[in-house]
Amino acid sequence: MHRLFTFSINIIFLVVLLSCRGNTGSEKAYQNSVFDAESSVPMDFMDFYMKFHQDSLYQIEHIQFPLKGMPAMAIDLPLDSINNFYWQEEEWKVHKPFMGNEDEYLKEFRKISDHLISEFIIEKQMGYGMERRFSKLGGRWYLIYYMDMNKLE
């Protein structure tokens, strides 16, 4: 049963990854997005976000490595491994714009402050998702946290 569950999750993750690679129009990157109702996401963030997904060198330059986060399917890892997990530049896989079906996925930006934005992409049926946090440091936006596909509470 556990292997079937893990296999199903890996298939979902693969579908998400493959769907991210097909975007050619930058305006499509914002499809299915939900913005915090109290305040809008800053325009300079959206400009950054678009360039972050179009230019791999720009992306690497705007990630604070080692990057705090959580690997995919971390439920199988010891708690100590999860709490001390960091993504390394050498193993980074370039992120492309997400192009999931709005009936199956929710993409949401949450403005925490003028200098902190969280992004969630959630598979609606099973409740698996990823989170990225971006922060404006020294006048420039950076990816400061990345949680790969995991069960969300």
C-alpha atoms as a PDB file:
ATOM      1  CA  MET A   1       0.000   0.000   0.000  1.00  0.00           C
ATOM      2  CA  HIS A   2       2.817   2.414   0.929  1.00  0.00           C
ATOM      3  CA  ARG A   3       4.573   1.756  -2.406  1.00  0.00           C
ATOM      4  CA  LEU A   4       1.355   2.438  -4.336  1.00  0.00           C
ATOM      5  CA  PHE A   5       0.913   5.713  -2.438  1.00  0.00           C
ATOM      6  CA  THR A   6       4.545   6.737  -3.113  1.00  0.00           C
ATOM      7  CA  PHE A   7       4.178   5.768  -6.780  1.00  0.00           C
ATOM      8  CA  SER A   8       0.996   7.891  -7.085  1.00  0.00           C
ATOM      9  CA  ILE A   9       2.686  10.893  -5.527  1.00  0.00           C
ATOM     10  CA  ASN A  10       5.682  10.524  -7.832  1.00  0.00           C
ATOM     11  CA  ILE A  11       3.319  10.481 -10.840  1.00  0.00           C
ATOM     12  CA  ILE A  12       1.641  13.688  -9.604  1.00  0.00           C
ATOM     13  CA  PHE A  13       5.035  15.309  -9.098  1.00  0.00           C
ATOM     14  CA  LEU A  14       6.127  14.261 -12.602  1.00  0.00           C
ATOM     15  CA  VAL A  15       2.945  15.735 -14.122  1.00  0.00           C
ATOM     16  CA  VAL A  16       3.582  19.013 -12.291  1.00  0.00           C
ATOM     17  CA  LEU A  17       7.201  19.117 -13.454  1.00  0.00           C
ATOM     18  CA  LEU A  18       6.326  18.379 -17.066  1.00  0.00           C
ATOM     19  CA  SER A  19       3.540  20.943 -17.089  1.00  0.00           C
ATOM     20  CA  CYS A  20       6.036  23.579 -15.938  1.00  0.00           C
ATOM     21  CA  ARG A  21       8.236  23.113 -18.991  1.00  0.00           C
ATOM     22  CA  GLY A  22       5.712  23.914 -21.712  1.00  0.00           C
ATOM     23  CA  ASN A  23       5.154  27.642 -21.203  1.00  0.00           C
ATOM     24  CA  THR A  24       6.308  30.012 -23.905  1.00  0.00           C
ATOM     25  CA  GLY A  25       4.176  33.050 -23.062  1.00  0.00           C
ATOM     26  CA  SER A  26       5.105  34.945 -19.917  1.00  0.00           C
ATOM     27  CA  GLU A  27       1.561  36.202 -19.421  1.00  0.00           C
ATOM     28  CA  LYS A  28       0.456  32.594 -18.899  1.00  0.00           C
ATOM     29  CA  ALA A  29       2.632  32.364 -15.779  1.00  0.00           C
ATOM     30  CA  TYR A  30       0.009  34.343 -13.856  1.00  0.00           C
ATOM     31  CA  GLN A  31      -2.988  32.284 -14.944  1.00  0.00           C
ATOM     32  CA  ASN A  32      -4.939  30.774 -12.048  1.00  0.00           C
ATOM     33  CA  SER A  33      -3.232  33.066  -9.538  1.00  0.00           C
ATOM     34  CA  VAL A  34      -4.956  34.254  -6.391  1.00  0.00           C
ATOM     35  CA  PHE A  35      -3.633  37.371  -4.752  1.00  0.00           C
ATOM     36  CA  ASP A  36      -4.018  38.349  -1.109  1.00  0.00           C
ATOM     37  CA  ALA A  37      -7.329  40.172  -0.862  1.00  0.00           C
ATOM     38  CA  GLU A  38      -6.048  42.839   1.548  1.00  0.00           C
ATOM     39  CA  SER A  39      -3.264  44.133  -0.665  1.00  0.00           C
ATOM     40  CA  SER A  40      -1.868  43.487  -4.112  1.00  0.00           C
ATOM     41  CA  VAL A  41       1.510  41.951  -4.843  1.00  0.00           C
ATOM     42  CA  PRO A  42       4.032  44.700  -5.722  1.00  0.00           C
ATOM     43  CA  MET A  43       4.560  45.296  -9.454  1.00  0.00           C
ATOM     44  CA  ASP A  44       8.336  45.015  -9.077  1.00  0.00           C
ATOM     45  CA  PHE A  45       7.804  41.532  -7.647  1.00  0.00           C
ATOM     46  CA  MET A  46       5.772  40.467 -10.682  1.00  0.00           C
ATOM     47  CA  ASP A  47       8.498  41.828 -12.999  1.00  0.00           C
ATOM     48  CA  PHE A  48      11.067  39.850 -10.999  1.00  0.00           C
ATOM     49  CA  TYR A  49       8.858  36.736 -11.002  1.00  0.00           C
ATOM     50  CA  MET A  50       8.526  36.812 -14.795  1.00  0.00           C
ATOM     51  CA  LYS A  51      12.273  37.225 -15.352  1.00  0.00           C
ATOM     52  CA  PHE A  52      13.049  34.589 -12.679  1.00  0.00           C
ATOM     53  CA  HIS A  53      11.269  31.971 -14.822  1.00  0.00           C
ATOM     54  CA  GLN A  54      12.612  33.152 -18.188  1.00  0.00           C
ATOM     55  CA  ASP A  55      16.346  33.476 -17.481  1.00  0.00           C
ATOM     56  CA  SER A  56      18.149  30.604 -15.762  1.00  0.00           C
ATOM     57  CA  LEU A  57      21.245  32.677 -14.918  1.00  0.00           C
ATOM     58  CA  TYR A  58      19.063  35.393 -13.406  1.00  0.00           C
ATOM     59  CA  GLN A  59      17.263  32.699 -11.421  1.00  0.00           C
ATOM     60  CA  ILE A  60      20.503  31.319  -9.954  1.00  0.00           C
ATOM     61  CA  GLU A  61      21.700  34.849  -9.110  1.00  0.00           C
ATOM     62  CA  HIS A  62      18.445  35.480  -7.203  1.00  0.00           C
ATOM     63  CA  ILE A  63      18.510  32.421  -4.952  1.00  0.00           C
ATOM     64  CA  GLN A  64      20.196  32.525  -1.584  1.00  0.00           C
ATOM     65  CA  PHE A  65      22.211  29.291  -1.575  1.00  0.00           C
ATOM     66  CA  PRO A  66      22.337  27.190   0.438  1.00  0.00           C
ATOM     67  CA  LEU A  67      18.549  27.566   0.229  1.00  0.00           C
ATOM     68  CA  LYS A  68      16.459  26.533   3.234  1.00  0.00           C
ATOM     69  CA  GLY A  69      13.590  24.241   2.331  1.00  0.00           C
ATOM     70  CA  MET A  70      12.187  20.760   2.219  1.00  0.00           C
ATOM     71  CA  PRO A  71      12.678  17.973  -0.328  1.00  0.00           C
ATOM     72  CA  ALA A  72       9.796  16.222  -2.064  1.00  0.00           C
ATOM     73  CA  MET A  73       7.882  13.671  -0.008  1.00  0.00           C
ATOM     74  CA  ALA A  74       9.688  14.590   3.196  1.00  0.00           C
ATOM     75  CA  ILE A  75       7.216  12.556   5.260  1.00  0.00           C
ATOM     76  CA  ASP A  76       9.541   9.565   4.825  1.00  0.00           C
ATOM     77  CA  LEU A  77      12.566  11.441   6.234  1.00  0.00           C
ATOM     78  CA  PRO A  78      13.636  11.788   9.861  1.00  0.00           C
ATOM     79  CA  LEU A  79      12.563  15.093  11.441  1.00  0.00           C
ATOM     80  CA  ASP A  80      16.186  16.136  11.966  1.00  0.00           C
ATOM     81  CA  SER A  81      16.863  15.735   8.222  1.00  0.00           C
ATOM     82  CA  ILE A  82      13.845  17.869   7.347  1.00  0.00           C
ATOM     83  CA  ASN A  83      14.734  20.644   9.803  1.00  0.00           C
ATOM     84  CA  ASN A  84      18.298  20.838   8.497  1.00  0.00           C
ATOM     85  CA  PHE A  85      17.599  20.532   4.765  1.00  0.00           C
ATOM     86  CA  TYR A  86      19.159  23.007   2.316  1.00  0.00           C
ATOM     87  CA  TRP A  87      19.094  23.056  -1.482  1.00  0.00           C
ATOM     88  CA  GLN A  88      22.576  23.427  -2.992  1.00  0.00           C
ATOM     89  CA  GLU A  89      23.374  25.381  -6.150  1.00  0.00           C
ATOM     90  CA  GLU A  90      25.055  22.368  -7.811  1.00  0.00           C
ATOM     91  CA  GLU A  91      21.865  20.301  -7.598  1.00  0.00           C
ATOM     92  CA  TRP A  92      19.359  23.053  -8.418  1.00  0.00           C
ATOM     93  CA  LYS A  93      16.829  22.301 -11.163  1.00  0.00           C
ATOM     94  CA  VAL A  94      15.732  25.472 -12.929  1.00  0.00           C
ATOM     95  CA  HIS A  95      12.126  26.397 -12.197  1.00  0.00           C
ATOM     96  CA  LYS A  96       9.853  27.139 -15.138  1.00  0.00           C
ATOM     97  CA  PRO A  97       6.436  28.841 -15.032  1.00  0.00           C
ATOM     98  CA  PHE A  98       3.714  26.554 -13.713  1.00  0.00           C
ATOM     99  CA  MET A  99       0.955  25.773 -16.209  1.00  0.00           C
ATOM    100  CA  GLY A 100      -1.390  23.443 -14.333  1.00  0.00           C
ATOM    101  CA  ASN A 101      -5.099  23.095 -15.061  1.00  0.00           C
ATOM    102  CA  GLU A 102      -7.137  25.430 -12.803  1.00  0.00           C
ATOM    103  CA  ASP A 103      -9.613  22.629 -12.085  1.00  0.00           C
ATOM    104  CA  GLU A 104      -6.816  20.521 -10.613  1.00  0.00           C
ATOM    105  CA  TYR A 105      -4.407  23.096  -9.172  1.00  0.00           C
ATOM    106  CA  LEU A 106      -4.560  26.290  -7.173  1.00  0.00           C
ATOM    107  CA  LYS A 107      -1.777  28.839  -7.519  1.00  0.00           C
ATOM    108  CA  GLU A 108      -1.763  31.474  -4.818  1.00  0.00           C
ATOM    109  CA  PHE A 109       0.461  34.392  -3.864  1.00  0.00           C
ATOM    110  CA  ARG A 110       0.276  35.663  -0.297  1.00  0.00           C
ATOM    111  CA  LYS A 111       1.751  39.045   0.513  1.00  0.00           C
ATOM    112  CA  ILE A 112       3.179  38.736   4.008  1.00  0.00           C
ATOM    113  CA  SER A 113       4.737  42.233   3.883  1.00  0.00           C
ATOM    114  CA  ASP A 114       6.080  44.647   1.280  1.00  0.00           C
ATOM    115  CA  HIS A 115       9.280  42.592   1.323  1.00  0.00           C
ATOM    116  CA  LEU A 116       7.991  39.024   1.714  1.00  0.00           C
ATOM    117  CA  ILE A 117       5.766  37.032  -0.686  1.00  0.00           C
ATOM    118  CA  SER A 118       4.805  33.347  -0.368  1.00  0.00           C
ATOM    119  CA  GLU A 119       3.675  31.351  -3.382  1.00  0.00           C
ATOM    120  CA  PHE A 120       1.731  28.099  -3.116  1.00  0.00           C
ATOM    121  CA  ILE A 121       0.865  25.648  -5.872  1.00  0.00           C
ATOM    122  CA  ILE A 122      -1.572  23.053  -4.595  1.00  0.00           C
ATOM    123  CA  GLU A 123      -2.995  19.935  -6.213  1.00  0.00           C
ATOM    124  CA  LYS A 124      -6.627  20.230  -5.100  1.00  0.00           C
ATOM    125  CA  GLN A 125      -7.762  16.606  -4.986  1.00  0.00           C
ATOM    126  CA  MET A 126      -5.077  15.074  -2.770  1.00  0.00           C
ATOM    127  CA  GLY A 127      -3.772  18.219  -1.059  1.00  0.00           C
ATOM    128  CA  TYR A 128      -0.165  18.032  -2.171  1.00  0.00           C
ATOM    129  CA  GLY A 129       1.666  21.216  -2.947  1.00  0.00           C
ATOM    130  CA  MET A 130       4.822  23.257  -2.991  1.00  0.00           C
ATOM    131  CA  GLU A 131       5.748  26.577  -1.428  1.00  0.00           C
ATOM    132  CA  ARG A 132       8.279  29.199  -2.377  1.00  0.00           C
ATOM    133  CA  ARG A 133       9.089  32.332  -0.379  1.00  0.00           C
ATOM    134  CA  PHE A 134      10.577  35.403  -1.949  1.00  0.00           C
ATOM    135  CA  SER A 135      12.085  38.319  -0.054  1.00  0.00           C
ATOM    136  CA  LYS A 136      13.241  41.760  -1.127  1.00  0.00           C
ATOM    137  CA  LEU A 137      16.751  42.256   0.226  1.00  0.00           C
ATOM    138  CA  GLY A 138      18.832  45.324  -0.582  1.00  0.00           C
ATOM    139  CA  GLY A 139      16.298  46.418  -3.200  1.00  0.00           C
ATOM    140  CA  ARG A 140      16.325  43.079  -5.072  1.00  0.00           C
ATOM    141  CA  TRP A 141      14.002  40.058  -4.868  1.00  0.00           C
ATOM    142  CA  TYR A 142      15.408  36.642  -3.949  1.00  0.00           C
ATOM    143  CA  LEU A 143      14.066  33.137  -3.478  1.00  0.00           C
ATOM    144  CA  ILE A 144      14.755  32.444   0.201  1.00  0.00           C
ATOM    145  CA  TYR A 145      12.811  29.187   0.789  1.00  0.00           C
ATOM    146  CA  TYR A 146      11.584  26.272  -1.346  1.00  0.00           C
ATOM    147  CA  MET A 147       9.470  23.326  -0.228  1.00  0.00           C
ATOM    148  CA  ASP A 148       9.104  20.742  -2.994  1.00  0.00           C
ATOM    149  CA  MET A 149       5.904  18.672  -3.389  1.00  0.00           C
ATOM    150  CA  ASN A 150       4.596  17.507  -0.010  1.00  0.00           C
ATOM    151  CA  LYS A 151       1.284  16.855   1.699  1.00  0.00           C
ATOM    152  CA  LEU A 152      -0.030  20.194   2.965  1.00  0.00           C
ATOM    153  CA  GLU A 153      -1.958  20.476   6.195  1.00  0.00           C
END
